[in-house]
């Protein structure tokens, strides 16, 4: 079930609060035409205009693939969304661990939060308009259709092994980019991608769950 709002502060925060209050239970999903106080990775704001994609969902751990490393659940869900977009002809690629890019511009991202035995995932995508220095999707798909197709993809419970094999193919796209590690910006030029979705960098093993 997907509950759609006209306007909401944050689909992610709404769903977390509803789960903690016991007013909803997994599986459940919410979307909005407009989100006014969206959040991104590391607590940053995610700004978006009406017509873009603001979506959150929750699923119990037991309904995830048996071979999925929980710390890489963001990569798993991001990869499923990437494949949905690719089926429409999009050239979107995934910057480690869970950002959606077109060429050198970010067009969206994913965050995950664990509440007990439930995983909450949230995706923001610039479908039609983007802030300065960001990009927007290169194909058009309505937020409703995108949400339905993504949930259908999650329901298929595709194995981590299969999903990750596709993710690895384009990992070299990351080499000219950086990410935040322990509060500093670190280049991905020499990162080594491990089979559990983590990367080895600067003698550290870094996971994507956030």
N, C-alpha and C. Protein backbone atom coordinates (compact mmCIF):
# COMPACT_ATOMS: atom_id res chain seq x y z
N UNK A 1 0.84 -1.20 0.00
CA UNK A 1 0.00 0.00 0.00
C UNK A 1 0.87 1.25 0.00
N UNK A 2 0.54 2.20 -0.86
CA UNK A 2 1.25 3.48 -0.89
C UNK A 2 0.27 4.60 -0.56
N UNK A 3 0.58 5.35 0.48
CA UNK A 3 -0.26 6.49 0.87
C UNK A 3 0.38 7.75 0.33
N UNK A 4 -0.36 8.51 -0.47
CA UNK A 4 0.17 9.72 -1.09
C UNK A 4 -0.35 10.97 -0.40
N UNK A 5 0.56 11.89 -0.12
CA UNK A 5 0.23 13.19 0.46
C UNK A 5 0.38 14.27 -0.59
N UNK A 6 -0.40 15.33 -0.46
CA UNK A 6 -0.18 16.50 -1.30
C UNK A 6 1.13 17.18 -0.89
N UNK A 7 1.27 17.42 0.41
CA UNK A 7 2.47 18.06 0.96
C UNK A 7 2.82 17.39 2.28
N UNK A 8 4.13 17.24 2.51
CA UNK A 8 4.59 16.66 3.77
C UNK A 8 5.95 17.26 4.10
N UNK A 9 6.29 17.32 5.36
CA UNK A 9 7.61 17.84 5.72
C UNK A 9 8.70 16.86 5.28
N UNK A 10 8.55 15.59 5.65
CA UNK A 10 9.54 14.57 5.30
C UNK A 10 8.87 13.20 5.30
N UNK A 11 8.88 12.52 4.17
CA UNK A 11 8.30 11.17 4.14
C UNK A 11 9.09 10.23 5.05
N UNK A 12 10.39 10.44 5.13
CA UNK A 12 11.24 9.58 5.96
C UNK A 12 10.89 9.72 7.44
N UNK A 13 10.84 10.98 7.90
CA UNK A 13 10.54 11.23 9.31
C UNK A 13 9.11 10.83 9.64
N UNK A 14 8.19 11.04 8.70
CA UNK A 14 6.80 10.64 8.93
C UNK A 14 6.71 9.14 9.16
N UNK A 15 7.36 8.36 8.32
CA UNK A 15 7.24 6.91 8.41
C UNK A 15 7.93 6.38 9.66
N UNK A 16 9.07 6.95 10.02
CA UNK A 16 9.76 6.55 11.25
C UNK A 16 8.87 6.80 12.46
N UNK A 17 8.27 7.99 12.52
CA UNK A 17 7.40 8.33 13.66
C UNK A 17 6.18 7.41 13.71
N UNK A 18 5.60 7.12 12.55
CA UNK A 18 4.41 6.26 12.50
C UNK A 18 4.74 4.84 12.96
N UNK A 19 5.90 4.34 12.59
CA UNK A 19 6.32 3.01 13.03
C UNK A 19 6.53 2.98 14.54
N UNK A 20 7.18 4.00 15.07
CA UNK A 20 7.45 4.04 16.50
C UNK A 20 6.17 4.22 17.32
N UNK A 21 5.22 4.92 16.74
CA UNK A 21 3.93 5.12 17.43
C UNK A 21 3.00 3.93 17.25
N UNK A 22 3.33 3.05 16.32
CA UNK A 22 2.50 1.87 16.08
C UNK A 22 1.28 2.13 15.23
N UNK A 23 1.24 3.26 14.54
CA UNK A 23 0.07 3.58 13.70
C UNK A 23 0.17 2.93 12.32
N UNK A 24 1.36 2.49 11.93
CA UNK A 24 1.53 1.70 10.71
C UNK A 24 2.48 0.55 11.01
N UNK A 25 2.47 -0.45 10.16
CA UNK A 25 3.42 -1.54 10.29
C UNK A 25 3.86 -1.96 8.89
N UNK A 26 5.03 -2.52 8.82
CA UNK A 26 5.59 -2.96 7.54
C UNK A 26 4.82 -4.16 6.99
N UNK A 27 4.67 -4.23 5.67
CA UNK A 27 5.17 -3.30 4.65
C UNK A 27 4.23 -2.11 4.46
N UNK A 28 4.81 -0.95 4.24
CA UNK A 28 4.03 0.27 4.08
C UNK A 28 4.88 1.27 3.31
N UNK A 29 4.23 2.18 2.60
CA UNK A 29 4.98 3.18 1.84
C UNK A 29 4.21 4.48 1.79
N UNK A 30 4.95 5.59 1.73
CA UNK A 30 4.34 6.91 1.62
C UNK A 30 5.07 7.72 0.56
N UNK A 31 4.34 8.55 -0.14
CA UNK A 31 4.92 9.45 -1.11
C UNK A 31 4.25 10.80 -1.01
N UNK A 32 4.84 11.80 -1.64
CA UNK A 32 4.28 13.15 -1.58
C UNK A 32 4.54 13.89 -2.88
N UNK A 33 3.59 14.76 -3.23
CA UNK A 33 3.79 15.62 -4.39
C UNK A 33 4.83 16.69 -4.08
N UNK A 34 4.87 17.10 -2.81
CA UNK A 34 5.83 18.13 -2.40
C UNK A 34 6.32 17.82 -1.00
N UNK A 35 7.64 17.93 -0.82
CA UNK A 35 8.26 17.70 0.48
C UNK A 35 8.99 18.97 0.88
N UNK A 36 8.71 19.46 2.09
CA UNK A 36 9.23 20.77 2.47
C UNK A 36 10.47 20.73 3.35
N UNK A 37 10.70 19.60 4.03
CA UNK A 37 11.86 19.50 4.92
C UNK A 37 12.52 18.14 4.77
N UNK A 38 12.81 17.78 3.52
CA UNK A 38 13.43 16.49 3.25
C UNK A 38 14.84 16.43 3.81
N UNK A 39 15.29 15.21 4.12
CA UNK A 39 16.64 15.02 4.65
C UNK A 39 17.44 14.14 3.71
N UNK A 40 18.73 14.40 3.67
CA UNK A 40 19.64 13.60 2.87
C UNK A 40 20.64 12.91 3.76
N UNK A 41 21.72 12.44 3.17
CA UNK A 41 22.75 11.77 3.94
C UNK A 41 23.44 12.74 4.88
N UNK A 42 23.94 12.21 6.01
CA UNK A 42 24.65 12.99 7.03
C UNK A 42 23.80 14.11 7.59
N UNK A 43 22.46 13.97 7.53
CA UNK A 43 21.57 14.96 8.11
C UNK A 43 21.38 16.19 7.27
N UNK A 44 21.92 16.20 6.05
CA UNK A 44 21.74 17.36 5.18
C UNK A 44 20.30 17.46 4.70
N UNK A 45 19.92 18.65 4.27
CA UNK A 45 18.58 18.83 3.71
C UNK A 45 18.57 18.34 2.27
N UNK A 46 17.42 17.81 1.85
CA UNK A 46 17.25 17.45 0.44
C UNK A 46 16.11 18.31 -0.10
N UNK A 47 16.47 19.26 -0.96
CA UNK A 47 15.50 20.21 -1.49
C UNK A 47 14.89 19.67 -2.78
N UNK A 48 13.61 19.88 -2.95
CA UNK A 48 12.97 19.42 -4.17
C UNK A 48 11.72 20.22 -4.47
N UNK A 49 11.39 20.24 -5.74
CA UNK A 49 10.21 20.98 -6.18
C UNK A 49 9.07 20.01 -6.49
N UNK A 50 7.87 20.56 -6.57
CA UNK A 50 6.71 19.74 -6.90
C UNK A 50 6.90 19.07 -8.25
N UNK A 51 6.53 17.79 -8.29
CA UNK A 51 6.72 17.01 -9.51
C UNK A 51 7.91 16.08 -9.44
N UNK A 52 8.79 16.30 -8.46
CA UNK A 52 9.90 15.39 -8.24
C UNK A 52 9.44 14.21 -7.39
N UNK A 53 10.36 13.34 -7.05
CA UNK A 53 10.02 12.08 -6.39
C UNK A 53 10.42 12.12 -4.92
N UNK A 54 9.44 11.99 -4.04
CA UNK A 54 9.66 11.98 -2.59
C UNK A 54 8.95 10.75 -2.06
N UNK A 55 9.70 9.76 -1.61
CA UNK A 55 9.11 8.44 -1.36
C UNK A 55 9.85 7.71 -0.25
N UNK A 56 9.07 7.09 0.65
CA UNK A 56 9.64 6.26 1.72
C UNK A 56 8.84 4.98 1.85
N UNK A 57 9.52 3.92 2.26
CA UNK A 57 8.88 2.63 2.41
C UNK A 57 9.53 1.89 3.58
N UNK A 58 8.86 0.86 4.06
CA UNK A 58 9.44 0.05 5.12
C UNK A 58 9.17 -1.43 4.84
N UNK A 59 10.09 -2.25 5.27
CA UNK A 59 10.01 -3.68 5.06
C UNK A 59 10.71 -4.39 6.22
N UNK A 60 10.17 -5.51 6.64
CA UNK A 60 10.80 -6.26 7.72
C UNK A 60 12.03 -7.00 7.19
N UNK A 61 13.03 -7.12 8.04
CA UNK A 61 14.26 -7.81 7.65
C UNK A 61 13.99 -9.20 7.09
N UNK A 62 13.06 -9.92 7.68
CA UNK A 62 12.81 -11.31 7.27
C UNK A 62 12.30 -11.42 5.84
N UNK A 63 11.85 -10.30 5.27
CA UNK A 63 11.35 -10.32 3.90
C UNK A 63 12.40 -9.86 2.88
N UNK A 64 13.62 -9.66 3.35
CA UNK A 64 14.72 -9.32 2.46
C UNK A 64 15.42 -10.60 2.00
N UNK A 65 16.16 -10.55 0.90
CA UNK A 65 16.88 -11.75 0.44
C UNK A 65 17.82 -12.29 1.52
N UNK A 66 17.92 -13.60 1.61
CA UNK A 66 18.73 -14.23 2.65
C UNK A 66 20.20 -13.88 2.54
N UNK A 67 20.67 -13.61 1.33
CA UNK A 67 22.11 -13.35 1.15
C UNK A 67 22.46 -11.86 1.19
N UNK A 68 21.51 -11.01 1.55
CA UNK A 68 21.75 -9.57 1.56
C UNK A 68 22.48 -9.14 2.83
N UNK A 69 23.70 -8.57 2.72
CA UNK A 69 24.38 -8.01 3.89
C UNK A 69 23.61 -6.77 4.35
N UNK A 70 23.13 -6.79 5.57
CA UNK A 70 22.25 -5.71 6.02
C UNK A 70 22.92 -4.34 5.93
N UNK A 71 24.23 -4.30 6.13
CA UNK A 71 24.93 -3.01 6.09
C UNK A 71 24.95 -2.42 4.69
N UNK A 72 24.61 -3.23 3.67
CA UNK A 72 24.59 -2.74 2.29
C UNK A 72 23.18 -2.66 1.73
N UNK A 73 22.21 -2.57 2.62
CA UNK A 73 20.82 -2.53 2.16
C UNK A 73 20.54 -1.29 1.31
N UNK A 74 21.25 -0.18 1.58
CA UNK A 74 21.08 1.03 0.77
C UNK A 74 21.50 0.78 -0.67
N UNK A 75 22.61 0.09 -0.84
CA UNK A 75 23.09 -0.24 -2.19
C UNK A 75 22.07 -1.13 -2.90
N UNK A 76 21.53 -2.08 -2.17
CA UNK A 76 20.56 -3.02 -2.75
C UNK A 76 19.34 -2.27 -3.28
N UNK A 77 18.73 -1.44 -2.44
CA UNK A 77 17.52 -0.72 -2.85
C UNK A 77 17.83 0.31 -3.95
N UNK A 78 18.96 0.98 -3.83
CA UNK A 78 19.34 1.95 -4.87
C UNK A 78 19.52 1.25 -6.21
N UNK A 79 20.10 0.06 -6.18
CA UNK A 79 20.32 -0.69 -7.41
C UNK A 79 19.00 -1.11 -8.05
N UNK A 80 18.04 -1.49 -7.22
CA UNK A 80 16.73 -1.86 -7.75
C UNK A 80 16.08 -0.65 -8.43
N UNK A 81 16.17 0.52 -7.80
CA UNK A 81 15.61 1.72 -8.40
C UNK A 81 16.34 2.07 -9.69
N UNK A 82 17.66 1.92 -9.70
CA UNK A 82 18.44 2.22 -10.89
C UNK A 82 17.98 1.34 -12.05
N UNK A 83 17.71 0.07 -11.79
CA UNK A 83 17.27 -0.84 -12.85
C UNK A 83 15.88 -0.46 -13.36
N UNK A 84 15.01 0.01 -12.48
CA UNK A 84 13.69 0.48 -12.92
C UNK A 84 13.87 1.67 -13.86
N UNK A 85 14.72 2.61 -13.47
CA UNK A 85 14.95 3.78 -14.31
C UNK A 85 15.60 3.39 -15.63
N UNK A 86 16.51 2.44 -15.59
CA UNK A 86 17.18 1.99 -16.81
C UNK A 86 16.20 1.35 -17.78
N UNK A 87 15.14 0.72 -17.24
CA UNK A 87 14.15 0.09 -18.11
C UNK A 87 13.38 1.13 -18.93
N UNK A 88 13.44 2.39 -18.51
CA UNK A 88 12.82 3.50 -19.26
C UNK A 88 13.83 4.19 -20.18
N UNK A 89 15.05 3.69 -20.18
CA UNK A 89 16.07 4.28 -21.04
C UNK A 89 16.99 5.27 -20.37
N UNK A 90 16.87 5.45 -19.04
CA UNK A 90 17.71 6.39 -18.33
C UNK A 90 19.16 5.91 -18.28
N UNK A 91 20.09 6.86 -18.33
CA UNK A 91 21.52 6.57 -18.22
C UNK A 91 22.03 6.82 -16.80
N UNK A 92 21.14 6.82 -15.85
CA UNK A 92 21.53 7.07 -14.46
C UNK A 92 22.53 6.00 -14.00
N UNK A 93 23.47 6.41 -13.13
CA UNK A 93 24.40 5.45 -12.53
C UNK A 93 24.48 5.74 -11.04
N UNK A 94 25.02 4.79 -10.29
CA UNK A 94 25.05 4.90 -8.83
C UNK A 94 26.45 5.22 -8.34
N UNK A 95 26.57 6.35 -7.67
CA UNK A 95 27.83 6.70 -7.00
C UNK A 95 27.79 6.05 -5.62
N UNK A 96 28.88 5.38 -5.27
CA UNK A 96 28.92 4.67 -3.99
C UNK A 96 28.67 5.64 -2.84
N UNK A 97 27.82 5.26 -1.91
CA UNK A 97 27.10 3.99 -1.89
C UNK A 97 25.68 4.06 -2.46
N UNK A 98 25.07 5.24 -2.46
CA UNK A 98 23.63 5.26 -2.75
C UNK A 98 23.14 6.60 -3.30
N UNK A 99 23.95 7.21 -4.15
CA UNK A 99 23.55 8.47 -4.79
C UNK A 99 23.30 8.21 -6.28
N UNK A 100 22.26 8.82 -6.81
CA UNK A 100 21.92 8.68 -8.22
C UNK A 100 22.54 9.83 -9.00
N UNK A 101 23.28 9.49 -10.05
CA UNK A 101 23.98 10.49 -10.86
C UNK A 101 23.65 10.32 -12.34
N UNK A 102 23.67 11.46 -13.04
CA UNK A 102 23.70 11.48 -14.50
C UNK A 102 24.98 12.21 -14.88
N UNK A 103 25.89 11.49 -15.51
CA UNK A 103 27.22 12.02 -15.79
C UNK A 103 27.83 12.51 -14.47
N UNK A 104 28.14 13.80 -14.37
CA UNK A 104 28.82 14.28 -13.17
C UNK A 104 27.88 14.97 -12.18
N UNK A 105 26.58 14.94 -12.44
CA UNK A 105 25.64 15.67 -11.58
C UNK A 105 24.73 14.73 -10.79
N UNK A 106 24.60 15.04 -9.52
CA UNK A 106 23.71 14.26 -8.66
C UNK A 106 22.26 14.60 -8.97
N UNK A 107 21.43 13.57 -9.10
CA UNK A 107 20.00 13.81 -9.33
C UNK A 107 19.13 13.26 -8.21
N UNK A 108 19.75 12.56 -7.25
CA UNK A 108 18.95 12.01 -6.16
C UNK A 108 19.79 11.16 -5.24
N UNK A 109 19.13 10.59 -4.26
CA UNK A 109 19.84 9.75 -3.30
C UNK A 109 18.89 8.91 -2.47
N UNK A 110 19.50 8.07 -1.66
CA UNK A 110 18.73 7.16 -0.82
C UNK A 110 19.32 7.15 0.59
N UNK A 111 18.48 7.04 1.57
CA UNK A 111 18.92 6.83 2.95
C UNK A 111 18.13 5.69 3.54
N UNK A 112 18.73 5.00 4.50
CA UNK A 112 18.04 3.91 5.19
C UNK A 112 18.21 4.06 6.69
N UNK A 113 17.21 3.63 7.41
CA UNK A 113 17.22 3.66 8.88
C UNK A 113 16.62 2.35 9.38
N UNK A 114 17.21 1.80 10.43
CA UNK A 114 16.70 0.55 11.00
C UNK A 114 15.91 0.87 12.27
N UNK A 115 14.66 0.43 12.30
CA UNK A 115 13.79 0.61 13.47
C UNK A 115 13.41 -0.79 13.96
N UNK A 116 14.09 -1.26 15.00
CA UNK A 116 13.84 -2.63 15.44
C UNK A 116 14.25 -3.61 14.35
N UNK A 117 13.30 -4.42 13.92
CA UNK A 117 13.57 -5.38 12.84
C UNK A 117 13.05 -4.89 11.50
N UNK A 118 12.76 -3.59 11.42
CA UNK A 118 12.20 -3.01 10.20
C UNK A 118 13.20 -2.04 9.57
N UNK A 119 13.33 -2.12 8.26
CA UNK A 119 14.17 -1.20 7.51
C UNK A 119 13.30 -0.14 6.85
N UNK A 120 13.64 1.13 7.08
CA UNK A 120 12.96 2.24 6.42
C UNK A 120 13.90 2.79 5.36
N UNK A 121 13.42 2.83 4.13
CA UNK A 121 14.22 3.38 3.04
C UNK A 121 13.51 4.58 2.43
N UNK A 122 14.28 5.59 2.06
CA UNK A 122 13.70 6.79 1.45
C UNK A 122 14.51 7.20 0.24
N UNK A 123 13.80 7.55 -0.82
CA UNK A 123 14.43 7.94 -2.07
C UNK A 123 13.92 9.31 -2.50
N UNK A 124 14.85 10.19 -2.83
CA UNK A 124 14.51 11.47 -3.43
C UNK A 124 15.14 11.55 -4.81
N UNK A 125 14.35 11.93 -5.81
CA UNK A 125 14.86 12.03 -7.18
C UNK A 125 14.34 13.30 -7.84
N UNK A 126 15.22 14.00 -8.52
CA UNK A 126 14.80 15.14 -9.32
C UNK A 126 14.27 14.62 -10.66
N UNK A 127 12.96 14.57 -10.79
CA UNK A 127 12.37 14.07 -12.03
C UNK A 127 12.27 15.17 -13.08
N UNK A 128 11.80 16.35 -12.66
CA UNK A 128 11.51 17.40 -13.64
C UNK A 128 12.30 18.69 -13.44
N UNK A 129 12.79 18.95 -12.24
CA UNK A 129 13.49 20.20 -11.98
C UNK A 129 14.54 19.96 -10.90
N UNK A 130 15.63 20.73 -10.97
CA UNK A 130 16.73 20.53 -10.02
C UNK A 130 17.27 21.86 -9.53
N UNK A 131 17.79 21.89 -8.30
CA UNK A 131 18.46 23.11 -7.81
C UNK A 131 19.75 23.35 -8.59
N UNK A 132 20.36 24.52 -8.44
CA UNK A 132 21.64 24.79 -9.11
C UNK A 132 22.68 23.74 -8.74
N UNK A 133 23.47 23.35 -9.72
CA UNK A 133 24.56 22.38 -9.57
C UNK A 133 24.10 20.94 -9.42
N UNK A 134 22.80 20.69 -9.51
CA UNK A 134 22.26 19.34 -9.52
C UNK A 134 21.66 19.07 -10.90
N UNK A 135 21.35 17.81 -11.17
CA UNK A 135 20.72 17.46 -12.43
C UNK A 135 19.34 16.87 -12.20
N UNK A 136 18.63 16.63 -13.30
CA UNK A 136 17.34 15.94 -13.18
C UNK A 136 17.30 14.78 -14.16
N UNK A 137 16.34 13.91 -13.98
CA UNK A 137 16.24 12.67 -14.72
C UNK A 137 16.17 12.91 -16.22
N UNK A 138 16.77 12.01 -16.98
CA UNK A 138 16.82 12.15 -18.43
C UNK A 138 15.66 11.47 -19.15
N UNK A 139 14.73 10.90 -18.41
CA UNK A 139 13.50 10.34 -18.97
C UNK A 139 12.36 10.78 -18.06
N UNK A 140 11.13 10.71 -18.56
CA UNK A 140 10.01 11.07 -17.69
C UNK A 140 9.24 9.82 -17.28
N UNK A 141 9.00 9.73 -15.99
CA UNK A 141 8.12 8.72 -15.43
C UNK A 141 7.42 9.37 -14.25
N UNK A 142 6.12 9.19 -14.13
CA UNK A 142 5.38 9.84 -13.05
C UNK A 142 5.80 9.26 -11.70
N UNK A 143 5.78 10.08 -10.65
CA UNK A 143 6.12 9.58 -9.32
C UNK A 143 5.30 8.35 -8.92
N UNK A 144 4.01 8.34 -9.24
CA UNK A 144 3.17 7.20 -8.89
C UNK A 144 3.63 5.93 -9.58
N UNK A 145 3.90 6.03 -10.88
CA UNK A 145 4.35 4.85 -11.62
C UNK A 145 5.71 4.37 -11.13
N UNK A 146 6.59 5.32 -10.84
CA UNK A 146 7.93 4.97 -10.36
C UNK A 146 7.84 4.24 -9.02
N UNK A 147 6.99 4.74 -8.14
CA UNK A 147 6.82 4.09 -6.83
C UNK A 147 6.26 2.68 -6.98
N UNK A 148 5.24 2.53 -7.80
CA UNK A 148 4.64 1.21 -7.99
C UNK A 148 5.64 0.22 -8.58
N UNK A 149 6.41 0.65 -9.56
CA UNK A 149 7.37 -0.26 -10.18
C UNK A 149 8.51 -0.60 -9.23
N UNK A 150 8.93 0.36 -8.44
CA UNK A 150 9.98 0.08 -7.46
C UNK A 150 9.51 -0.93 -6.43
N UNK A 151 8.32 -0.73 -5.87
CA UNK A 151 7.78 -1.67 -4.89
C UNK A 151 7.63 -3.06 -5.50
N UNK A 152 7.21 -3.11 -6.76
CA UNK A 152 7.11 -4.40 -7.44
C UNK A 152 8.47 -5.07 -7.55
N UNK A 153 9.51 -4.28 -7.77
CA UNK A 153 10.86 -4.82 -7.85
C UNK A 153 11.32 -5.35 -6.50
N UNK A 154 11.03 -4.62 -5.43
CA UNK A 154 11.38 -5.08 -4.08
C UNK A 154 10.68 -6.40 -3.77
N UNK A 155 9.42 -6.50 -4.16
CA UNK A 155 8.63 -7.71 -3.89
C UNK A 155 9.20 -8.95 -4.56
N UNK A 156 9.95 -8.75 -5.64
CA UNK A 156 10.53 -9.90 -6.34
C UNK A 156 11.65 -10.56 -5.55
N UNK A 157 12.17 -9.86 -4.56
CA UNK A 157 13.18 -10.41 -3.65
C UNK A 157 14.39 -10.97 -4.40
N UNK A 158 14.87 -10.18 -5.35
CA UNK A 158 16.02 -10.60 -6.14
C UNK A 158 17.25 -10.74 -5.25
N UNK A 159 18.07 -11.73 -5.51
CA UNK A 159 19.21 -12.01 -4.65
C UNK A 159 20.24 -10.88 -4.67
N UNK A 160 20.93 -10.71 -3.54
CA UNK A 160 22.02 -9.74 -3.46
C UNK A 160 23.10 -10.07 -4.50
N UNK A 161 23.40 -11.34 -4.68
CA UNK A 161 24.45 -11.75 -5.61
C UNK A 161 24.15 -11.22 -7.02
N UNK A 162 22.92 -11.36 -7.45
CA UNK A 162 22.55 -10.92 -8.79
C UNK A 162 22.55 -9.40 -8.90
N UNK A 163 21.97 -8.73 -7.92
CA UNK A 163 21.91 -7.27 -7.93
C UNK A 163 23.31 -6.67 -7.86
N UNK A 164 24.14 -7.23 -7.00
CA UNK A 164 25.49 -6.69 -6.81
C UNK A 164 26.38 -6.92 -8.04
N UNK A 165 26.14 -8.01 -8.75
CA UNK A 165 26.94 -8.26 -9.95
C UNK A 165 26.75 -7.15 -10.98
N UNK A 166 25.55 -6.60 -11.06
CA UNK A 166 25.29 -5.47 -11.95
C UNK A 166 25.90 -4.18 -11.40
N UNK A 167 25.82 -4.02 -10.08
CA UNK A 167 26.36 -2.82 -9.45
C UNK A 167 27.87 -2.71 -9.67
N UNK A 168 28.57 -3.83 -9.61
CA UNK A 168 30.02 -3.84 -9.74
C UNK A 168 30.49 -3.36 -11.10
N UNK A 169 29.69 -3.61 -12.13
CA UNK A 169 30.09 -3.31 -13.50
C UNK A 169 30.43 -1.83 -13.68
N UNK A 170 29.65 -0.97 -13.02
CA UNK A 170 29.85 0.47 -13.23
C UNK A 170 30.60 1.16 -12.09
N UNK A 171 31.20 0.37 -11.19
CA UNK A 171 31.85 0.98 -10.02
C UNK A 171 32.99 1.92 -10.42
N UNK A 172 33.67 1.65 -11.53
CA UNK A 172 34.78 2.51 -11.94
C UNK A 172 34.34 3.95 -12.21
N UNK A 173 33.03 4.16 -12.41
CA UNK A 173 32.51 5.51 -12.59
C UNK A 173 32.81 6.38 -11.36
N UNK A 174 33.06 5.73 -10.21
CA UNK A 174 33.30 6.45 -8.96
C UNK A 174 34.69 7.06 -8.86
N UNK A 175 35.62 6.64 -9.68
CA UNK A 175 37.04 6.95 -9.46
C UNK A 175 37.35 8.44 -9.42
N UNK A 176 36.56 9.25 -10.09
CA UNK A 176 36.84 10.69 -10.11
C UNK A 176 36.01 11.45 -9.08
N UNK A 177 35.37 10.71 -8.18
CA UNK A 177 34.52 11.35 -7.17
C UNK A 177 35.06 11.10 -5.76
N UNK A 178 34.45 11.80 -4.80
CA UNK A 178 34.83 11.66 -3.39
C UNK A 178 33.59 11.42 -2.55
N UNK A 179 33.80 11.05 -1.29
CA UNK A 179 32.69 10.93 -0.35
C UNK A 179 33.20 11.29 1.03
N UNK A 180 32.29 11.46 1.97
CA UNK A 180 32.66 11.87 3.32
C UNK A 180 32.95 10.66 4.21
N UNK A 181 34.13 10.66 4.80
CA UNK A 181 34.54 9.59 5.72
C UNK A 181 35.10 10.23 6.99
N UNK A 182 34.44 9.94 8.10
CA UNK A 182 34.87 10.49 9.39
C UNK A 182 35.02 12.00 9.35
N UNK A 183 34.07 12.64 8.65
CA UNK A 183 34.04 14.10 8.64
C UNK A 183 34.94 14.76 7.61
N UNK A 184 35.64 13.98 6.79
CA UNK A 184 36.49 14.59 5.77
C UNK A 184 36.16 13.99 4.40
N UNK A 185 36.48 14.77 3.37
CA UNK A 185 36.21 14.35 2.00
C UNK A 185 37.36 13.47 1.51
N UNK A 186 37.00 12.25 1.08
CA UNK A 186 38.01 11.27 0.69
C UNK A 186 37.75 10.83 -0.75
N UNK A 187 38.81 10.77 -1.54
CA UNK A 187 38.70 10.36 -2.94
C UNK A 187 38.41 8.86 -3.04
N UNK A 188 37.61 8.52 -4.04
CA UNK A 188 37.30 7.11 -4.31
C UNK A 188 38.24 6.52 -5.37
N UNK A 189 39.27 7.27 -5.73
CA UNK A 189 40.16 6.85 -6.80
C UNK A 189 40.75 5.46 -6.57
N UNK A 190 41.16 5.18 -5.34
CA UNK A 190 41.83 3.91 -5.03
C UNK A 190 40.96 2.95 -4.22
N UNK A 191 39.66 3.21 -4.17
CA UNK A 191 38.77 2.35 -3.38
C UNK A 191 38.66 0.96 -3.99
N UNK A 192 38.60 -0.03 -3.13
CA UNK A 192 38.41 -1.43 -3.54
C UNK A 192 37.03 -1.87 -3.10
N UNK A 193 36.19 -2.26 -4.05
CA UNK A 193 34.83 -2.69 -3.74
C UNK A 193 34.83 -4.15 -3.33
N UNK A 194 34.27 -4.44 -2.16
CA UNK A 194 34.21 -5.81 -1.63
C UNK A 194 32.86 -6.44 -1.96
N UNK A 195 32.80 -7.76 -1.87
CA UNK A 195 31.59 -8.48 -2.27
C UNK A 195 30.40 -8.23 -1.35
N UNK A 196 30.65 -7.70 -0.16
CA UNK A 196 29.53 -7.39 0.73
C UNK A 196 29.05 -5.95 0.56
N UNK A 197 29.58 -5.26 -0.46
CA UNK A 197 29.14 -3.90 -0.73
C UNK A 197 29.95 -2.82 -0.04
N UNK A 198 30.83 -3.22 0.86
CA UNK A 198 31.70 -2.25 1.51
C UNK A 198 32.85 -1.89 0.58
N UNK A 199 33.60 -0.86 0.96
CA UNK A 199 34.82 -0.53 0.23
C UNK A 199 35.99 -0.51 1.22
N UNK A 200 37.16 -0.84 0.70
CA UNK A 200 38.39 -0.72 1.48
C UNK A 200 39.13 0.52 0.99
N UNK A 201 39.42 1.41 1.93
CA UNK A 201 40.02 2.69 1.59
C UNK A 201 40.80 3.22 2.78
N UNK A 202 42.02 3.62 2.55
CA UNK A 202 42.87 4.15 3.61
C UNK A 202 42.93 3.21 4.81
N UNK A 203 43.09 1.91 4.50
CA UNK A 203 43.20 0.86 5.52
C UNK A 203 41.96 0.73 6.39
N UNK A 204 40.83 1.18 5.84
CA UNK A 204 39.58 1.06 6.57
C UNK A 204 38.56 0.35 5.69
N UNK A 205 37.67 -0.40 6.32
CA UNK A 205 36.54 -1.00 5.61
C UNK A 205 35.31 -0.17 5.94
N UNK A 206 34.69 0.37 4.92
CA UNK A 206 33.59 1.31 5.11
C UNK A 206 32.32 0.73 4.53
N UNK A 207 31.24 0.80 5.32
CA UNK A 207 29.94 0.29 4.89
C UNK A 207 29.00 1.44 4.59
N UNK A 208 27.89 1.10 3.91
CA UNK A 208 27.02 2.14 3.38
C UNK A 208 25.80 2.45 4.21
N UNK A 209 25.46 1.64 5.20
CA UNK A 209 24.21 1.84 5.95
C UNK A 209 24.24 3.19 6.65
N UNK A 210 23.25 4.02 6.30
CA UNK A 210 23.16 5.34 6.95
C UNK A 210 21.78 5.91 6.72
